[in-house]
Each structure stands twice: as structure tokens, then as C-alpha cells.
């Protein structure tokens, strides 16, 4: 998460990160998507990323364009178009982010975003976790641990380090 906060999210405070989609080849947080309470940061494998403000989004649209070149070969270009209430738009394309980028998922999350979200703000998630009851914190960490074990059944050293860091910041006990 710390790598993602620096590489993807322009050095945003890691405590404000709500969600991370790691799209890097080595799962090291160098490319993908970072969500804070008010911003979505996108970073391709190569090149500079994009910063998407979540306030005043009127809708999002995903589509695939099929283009034929001079030799008759067709290529598919995926894209995500994000529209704002002030009539501005942002277009995110597969030529920059690759075909494996979750364009459709993001479109689903952002379509009618502001109609479904009552408050947009970036706050420290650790502080909010500290304010929860010990029972809820235990359930939260059980979910995190299940997620970490999901892909290969074990928690590797890097995942364990991040888990302990999160537990320390939330003043939780190791169980």
C-alpha cells in the first residue's frame, strides 16, 4: 500500500486509501488504481497516470472500438469516458493502460456516482478503524487475512509486514 501511495497516488497519505487495485506485473503497487474518499488515481505500467476527482461526476461509460488499419487488420481499443456535471470529460484508453485494465469495473463504480454517494471526502481510514468496537476490528482483520490467503493459501512476508503495520497503526493485538 505504501508503494501504491507513492507510485500510483502521487504521494498521498496511505491512511486515506480506501481501495487498491494492483495492476503491476510483480504485485508491488507500482501500477493500478488507488481510491481515496475524493479521488481515484490511475497509473499504467509505463508512463504517467491520471488523477480523477470523484466530485460532480455525472456518469461513466465503457465501450470497445474496433479499428481497421490499411492492411485490413482489426484492433480493439477499450476506453472509459467519465463525464462531469460541468460538461467536461476524461477519456481513459487501453492504448495507455492496456487491455487488462478494469475499464468496465470502473465504469460501473462511477456511473451515477454522485447520486449514490452522500458525502465525498478523504479522511484517514485508520482513525475510523480505531473508533470501532474491538469486535468489529477483529472481524475486519479476519476479512483482510482471508483476502491475503485467497490467491495461494498463505500470507507471504511482504503481506505479513503490511498486515502487522496496519494492526500496529490501529493498535490491534496479534491473534
C-alpha atoms as a PDB file:
ATOM      1  CA  UNK A   1       0.000   0.000   0.000  1.00  0.00           C
ATOM      2  CA  UNK A   2       2.896   2.350   0.696  1.00  0.00           C
ATOM      3  CA  UNK A   3       4.314   1.742  -2.810  1.00  0.00           C
ATOM      4  CA  UNK A   4       0.879   2.422  -4.275  1.00  0.00           C
ATOM      5  CA  UNK A   5       0.516   5.645  -2.311  1.00  0.00           C
ATOM      6  CA  UNK A   6       3.829   6.887  -3.757  1.00  0.00           C
ATOM      7  CA  UNK A   7       3.836   5.404  -7.276  1.00  0.00           C
ATOM      8  CA  UNK A   8       0.165   5.490  -8.212  1.00  0.00           C
ATOM      9  CA  UNK A   9      -1.388   8.116  -5.946  1.00  0.00           C
ATOM     10  CA  UNK A  10       1.132  10.953  -6.143  1.00  0.00           C
ATOM     11  CA  UNK A  11       2.435  10.518  -2.567  1.00  0.00           C
ATOM     12  CA  UNK A  12      -0.983  10.607  -0.917  1.00  0.00           C
ATOM     13  CA  UNK A  13      -1.126   9.605   2.771  1.00  0.00           C
ATOM     14  CA  UNK A  14      -1.530   5.780   2.796  1.00  0.00           C
ATOM     15  CA  UNK A  15      -4.017   6.086   5.670  1.00  0.00           C
ATOM     16  CA  UNK A  16      -6.504   7.789   3.314  1.00  0.00           C
ATOM     17  CA  UNK A  17      -6.529   4.898   0.834  1.00  0.00           C
ATOM     18  CA  UNK A  18      -9.882   3.122   0.748  1.00  0.00           C
ATOM     19  CA  UNK A  19      -9.150   0.611  -2.009  1.00  0.00           C
ATOM     20  CA  UNK A  20      -6.302  -0.505  -4.243  1.00  0.00           C
ATOM     21  CA  UNK A  21      -6.340  -2.465  -7.482  1.00  0.00           C
ATOM     22  CA  UNK A  22      -2.762  -3.552  -8.118  1.00  0.00           C
ATOM     23  CA  UNK A  23      -2.226  -3.967 -11.858  1.00  0.00           C
ATOM     24  CA  UNK A  24       1.576  -4.248 -11.709  1.00  0.00           C
ATOM     25  CA  UNK A  25       3.331  -7.328 -13.057  1.00  0.00           C
ATOM     26  CA  UNK A  26       5.099  -8.025  -9.751  1.00  0.00           C
ATOM     27  CA  UNK A  27       2.172  -7.082  -7.459  1.00  0.00           C
ATOM     28  CA  UNK A  28       4.337  -4.359  -5.961  1.00  0.00           C
ATOM     29  CA  UNK A  29       1.903  -1.441  -6.074  1.00  0.00           C
ATOM     30  CA  UNK A  30       3.670   0.375  -8.921  1.00  0.00           C
ATOM     31  CA  UNK A  31       0.709   0.348 -11.368  1.00  0.00           C
ATOM     32  CA  UNK A  32      -3.045   0.176 -10.992  1.00  0.00           C
ATOM     33  CA  UNK A  33      -5.771   2.155  -9.259  1.00  0.00           C
ATOM     34  CA  UNK A  34      -5.896   3.825  -5.849  1.00  0.00           C
ATOM     35  CA  UNK A  35      -9.142   5.130  -4.380  1.00  0.00           C
ATOM     36  CA  UNK A  36      -9.288   7.720  -1.638  1.00  0.00           C
ATOM     37  CA  UNK A  37     -12.516   9.268  -0.418  1.00  0.00           C
ATOM     38  CA  UNK A  38     -12.454  12.043  -3.011  1.00  0.00           C
ATOM     39  CA  UNK A  39     -10.037  10.966  -5.757  1.00  0.00           C
ATOM     40  CA  UNK A  40      -9.207   7.996  -7.967  1.00  0.00           C
ATOM     41  CA  UNK A  41      -5.598   7.704  -9.146  1.00  0.00           C
ATOM     42  CA  UNK A  42      -4.759   5.617 -12.221  1.00  0.00           C
ATOM     43  CA  UNK A  43      -1.243   4.554 -13.228  1.00  0.00           C
ATOM     44  CA  UNK A  44      -0.316   2.423 -16.267  1.00  0.00           C
ATOM     45  CA  UNK A  45       2.624   0.012 -16.305  1.00  0.00           C
ATOM     46  CA  UNK A  46       4.655   2.547 -18.305  1.00  0.00           C
ATOM     47  CA  UNK A  47       4.204   6.316 -18.300  1.00  0.00           C
ATOM     48  CA  UNK A  48       2.362   8.891 -16.261  1.00  0.00           C
ATOM     49  CA  UNK A  49      -1.003   8.310 -14.668  1.00  0.00           C
ATOM     50  CA  UNK A  50      -4.234  10.222 -14.305  1.00  0.00           C
ATOM     51  CA  UNK A  51      -5.958  11.807 -11.321  1.00  0.00           C
ATOM     52  CA  UNK A  52      -9.750  11.580 -11.402  1.00  0.00           C
ATOM     53  CA  UNK A  53     -11.713  13.753  -8.988  1.00  0.00           C
ATOM     54  CA  UNK A  54     -14.862  11.989  -7.804  1.00  0.00           C
ATOM     55  CA  UNK A  55     -16.860  15.148  -7.102  1.00  0.00           C
ATOM     56  CA  UNK A  56     -19.511  16.149  -9.669  1.00  0.00           C
ATOM     57  CA  UNK A  57     -19.250  13.055 -11.880  1.00  0.00           C
ATOM     58  CA  UNK A  58     -22.451  12.818 -13.896  1.00  0.00           C
ATOM     59  CA  UNK A  59     -21.724   9.404 -15.401  1.00  0.00           C
ATOM     60  CA  UNK A  60     -19.201   6.947 -16.774  1.00  0.00           C
ATOM     61  CA  UNK A  61     -19.320   4.916 -19.968  1.00  0.00           C
ATOM     62  CA  UNK A  62     -17.300   1.878 -21.095  1.00  0.00           C
ATOM     63  CA  UNK A  63     -17.020   0.801 -24.714  1.00  0.00           C
ATOM     64  CA  UNK A  64     -14.840  -1.054 -27.205  1.00  0.00           C
ATOM     65  CA  UNK A  65     -13.923   0.495 -30.555  1.00  0.00           C
ATOM     66  CA  UNK A  66     -12.882  -1.791 -33.385  1.00  0.00           C
ATOM     67  CA  UNK A  67     -10.453  -0.109 -35.781  1.00  0.00           C
ATOM     68  CA  UNK A  68      -9.250  -1.492 -39.107  1.00  0.00           C
ATOM     69  CA  UNK A  69      -5.852  -0.411 -40.409  1.00  0.00           C
ATOM     70  CA  UNK A  70      -4.770  -0.031 -44.072  1.00  0.00           C
ATOM     71  CA  UNK A  71      -3.841  -3.731 -44.303  1.00  0.00           C
ATOM     72  CA  UNK A  72      -7.252  -4.913 -43.123  1.00  0.00           C
ATOM     73  CA  UNK A  73      -6.112  -5.905 -39.635  1.00  0.00           C
ATOM     74  CA  UNK A  74      -8.544  -5.018 -36.858  1.00  0.00           C
ATOM     75  CA  UNK A  75      -7.638  -3.970 -33.355  1.00  0.00           C
ATOM     76  CA  UNK A  76      -9.857  -3.406 -30.347  1.00  0.00           C
ATOM     77  CA  UNK A  77      -9.407  -0.296 -28.250  1.00  0.00           C
ATOM     78  CA  UNK A  78     -11.182  -0.258 -24.905  1.00  0.00           C
ATOM     79  CA  UNK A  79     -11.999   3.033 -23.292  1.00  0.00           C
ATOM     80  CA  UNK A  80     -13.683   4.604 -20.323  1.00  0.00           C
ATOM     81  CA  UNK A  81     -15.273   8.023 -20.627  1.00  0.00           C
ATOM     82  CA  UNK A  82     -16.011   9.938 -17.422  1.00  0.00           C
ATOM     83  CA  UNK A  83     -18.406  12.863 -17.716  1.00  0.00           C
ATOM     84  CA  UNK A  84     -18.712  15.713 -15.235  1.00  0.00           C
ATOM     85  CA  UNK A  85     -21.674  17.953 -14.469  1.00  0.00           C
ATOM     86  CA  UNK A  86     -19.794  20.959 -15.920  1.00  0.00           C
ATOM     87  CA  UNK A  87     -19.783  19.131 -19.324  1.00  0.00           C
ATOM     88  CA  UNK A  88     -16.051  18.276 -19.169  1.00  0.00           C
ATOM     89  CA  UNK A  89     -14.996  14.700 -19.931  1.00  0.00           C
ATOM     90  CA  UNK A  90     -11.979  12.486 -19.340  1.00  0.00           C
ATOM     91  CA  UNK A  91     -11.184   9.550 -21.612  1.00  0.00           C
ATOM     92  CA  UNK A  92      -9.058   6.642 -20.352  1.00  0.00           C
ATOM     93  CA  UNK A  93      -7.869   4.358 -23.185  1.00  0.00           C
ATOM     94  CA  UNK A  94      -6.412   0.858 -23.460  1.00  0.00           C
ATOM     95  CA  UNK A  95      -3.592   2.153 -25.665  1.00  0.00           C
ATOM     96  CA  UNK A  96      -2.178   3.732 -22.490  1.00  0.00           C
ATOM     97  CA  UNK A  97      -3.414   1.362 -19.758  1.00  0.00           C
ATOM     98  CA  UNK A  98      -3.551  -1.998 -21.547  1.00  0.00           C
ATOM     99  CA  UNK A  99      -6.436  -4.341 -22.269  1.00  0.00           C
ATOM    100  CA  UNK A 100      -6.293  -5.951 -18.808  1.00  0.00           C
ATOM    101  CA  UNK A 101      -7.158  -2.682 -17.092  1.00  0.00           C
ATOM    102  CA  UNK A 102     -10.612  -2.943 -15.402  1.00  0.00           C
ATOM    103  CA  UNK A 103     -12.394  -0.339 -17.534  1.00  0.00           C
ATOM    104  CA  UNK A 104     -15.814  -1.948 -17.155  1.00  0.00           C
ATOM    105  CA  UNK A 105     -15.478  -2.239 -13.365  1.00  0.00           C
ATOM    106  CA  UNK A 106     -14.550   1.436 -13.021  1.00  0.00           C
ATOM    107  CA  UNK A 107     -17.416   2.483 -15.289  1.00  0.00           C
ATOM    108  CA  UNK A 108     -19.808   0.525 -13.085  1.00  0.00           C
ATOM    109  CA  UNK A 109     -18.451   2.160  -9.935  1.00  0.00           C
ATOM    110  CA  UNK A 110     -18.506   5.690 -11.308  1.00  0.00           C
ATOM    111  CA  UNK A 111     -21.771   5.683 -13.256  1.00  0.00           C
ATOM    112  CA  UNK A 112     -24.215   7.815 -11.276  1.00  0.00           C
ATOM    113  CA  UNK A 113     -21.561   8.057  -8.525  1.00  0.00           C
ATOM    114  CA  UNK A 114     -22.676  11.354  -7.027  1.00  0.00           C
ATOM    115  CA  UNK A 115     -26.342  10.339  -6.967  1.00  0.00           C
ATOM    116  CA  UNK A 116     -25.459   7.310  -4.826  1.00  0.00           C
ATOM    117  CA  UNK A 117     -22.856   8.874  -2.515  1.00  0.00           C
ATOM    118  CA  UNK A 118     -23.941  11.329   0.150  1.00  0.00           C
ATOM    119  CA  UNK A 119     -20.518  12.661   1.216  1.00  0.00           C
ATOM    120  CA  UNK A 120     -17.212  12.852  -0.650  1.00  0.00           C
ATOM    121  CA  UNK A 121     -14.116  13.403   1.487  1.00  0.00           C
ATOM    122  CA  UNK A 122     -10.678  11.920   2.057  1.00  0.00           C
ATOM    123  CA  UNK A 123     -10.141  11.020   5.699  1.00  0.00           C
ATOM    124  CA  UNK A 124      -7.776   8.725   7.488  1.00  0.00           C
ATOM    125  CA  UNK A 125      -9.194   5.218   7.476  1.00  0.00           C
ATOM    126  CA  UNK A 126      -7.007   4.161  10.405  1.00  0.00           C
ATOM    127  CA  UNK A 127      -8.627   6.713  12.706  1.00  0.00           C
ATOM    128  CA  UNK A 128     -12.056   5.482  11.699  1.00  0.00           C
ATOM    129  CA  UNK A 129     -10.990   1.887  12.391  1.00  0.00           C
ATOM    130  CA  UNK A 130      -9.762   2.896  15.857  1.00  0.00           C
ATOM    131  CA  UNK A 131     -13.190   4.275  16.663  1.00  0.00           C
ATOM    132  CA  UNK A 132     -14.840   0.897  16.056  1.00  0.00           C
ATOM    133  CA  UNK A 133     -15.543  -1.689  18.708  1.00  0.00           C
ATOM    134  CA  UNK A 134     -12.932  -4.430  19.288  1.00  0.00           C
ATOM    135  CA  UNK A 135     -15.368  -6.996  17.885  1.00  0.00           C
ATOM    136  CA  UNK A 136     -15.723  -5.096  14.573  1.00  0.00           C
ATOM    137  CA  UNK A 137     -11.934  -4.621  14.345  1.00  0.00           C
ATOM    138  CA  UNK A 138     -11.452  -8.382  14.802  1.00  0.00           C
ATOM    139  CA  UNK A 139     -13.941  -9.101  12.002  1.00  0.00           C
ATOM    140  CA  UNK A 140     -12.208  -6.523   9.804  1.00  0.00           C
ATOM    141  CA  UNK A 141      -8.830  -8.239  10.237  1.00  0.00           C
ATOM    142  CA  UNK A 142     -10.350 -11.666   9.623  1.00  0.00           C
ATOM    143  CA  UNK A 143     -11.582 -10.346   6.268  1.00  0.00           C
ATOM    144  CA  UNK A 144      -8.128  -8.899   5.484  1.00  0.00           C
ATOM    145  CA  UNK A 145      -6.443 -12.203   6.392  1.00  0.00           C
ATOM    146  CA  UNK A 146      -8.909 -14.216   4.274  1.00  0.00           C
ATOM    147  CA  UNK A 147      -8.197 -11.885   1.351  1.00  0.00           C
ATOM    148  CA  UNK A 148      -4.430 -12.261   1.791  1.00  0.00           C
ATOM    149  CA  UNK A 149      -4.734 -16.059   1.832  1.00  0.00           C
ATOM    150  CA  UNK A 150      -7.151 -16.173  -1.116  1.00  0.00           C
ATOM    151  CA  UNK A 151      -4.688 -16.378  -4.016  1.00  0.00           C
ATOM    152  CA  UNK A 152      -2.224 -19.001  -2.711  1.00  0.00           C
ATOM    153  CA  UNK A 153      -3.383 -20.065   0.756  1.00  0.00           C
ATOM    154  CA  UNK A 154      -0.507 -18.368   2.595  1.00  0.00           C
ATOM    155  CA  UNK A 155       0.462 -14.912   3.769  1.00  0.00           C
ATOM    156  CA  UNK A 156       3.918 -14.135   2.401  1.00  0.00           C
ATOM    157  CA  UNK A 157       6.469 -11.984   4.232  1.00  0.00           C
ATOM    158  CA  UNK A 158       5.534  -8.730   2.447  1.00  0.00           C
ATOM    159  CA  UNK A 159       1.815  -9.267   3.110  1.00  0.00           C
ATOM    160  CA  UNK A 160       2.565 -10.153   6.747  1.00  0.00           C
ATOM    161  CA  UNK A 161       4.639  -6.989   7.129  1.00  0.00           C
ATOM    162  CA  UNK A 162       1.784  -4.833   5.787  1.00  0.00           C
ATOM    163  CA  UNK A 163      -0.759  -6.657   7.977  1.00  0.00           C
ATOM    164  CA  UNK A 164       1.337  -6.067  11.118  1.00  0.00           C
ATOM    165  CA  UNK A 165       1.828  -2.410  10.143  1.00  0.00           C
ATOM    166  CA  UNK A 166      -1.939  -1.969   9.770  1.00  0.00           C
ATOM    167  CA  UNK A 167      -2.576  -3.746  13.073  1.00  0.00           C
ATOM    168  CA  UNK A 168       0.010  -1.552  14.811  1.00  0.00           C
ATOM    169  CA  UNK A 169      -1.499   1.639  13.437  1.00  0.00           C
ATOM    170  CA  UNK A 170      -4.934   0.544  14.621  1.00  0.00           C
ATOM    171  CA  UNK A 171      -3.480  -0.604  17.978  1.00  0.00           C
ATOM    172  CA  UNK A 172      -4.852  -4.114  17.491  1.00  0.00           C
ATOM    173  CA  UNK A 173      -3.492  -7.234  19.095  1.00  0.00           C
ATOM    174  CA  UNK A 174      -1.873 -10.066  17.135  1.00  0.00           C
ATOM    175  CA  UNK A 175      -4.139 -13.135  17.345  1.00  0.00           C
END
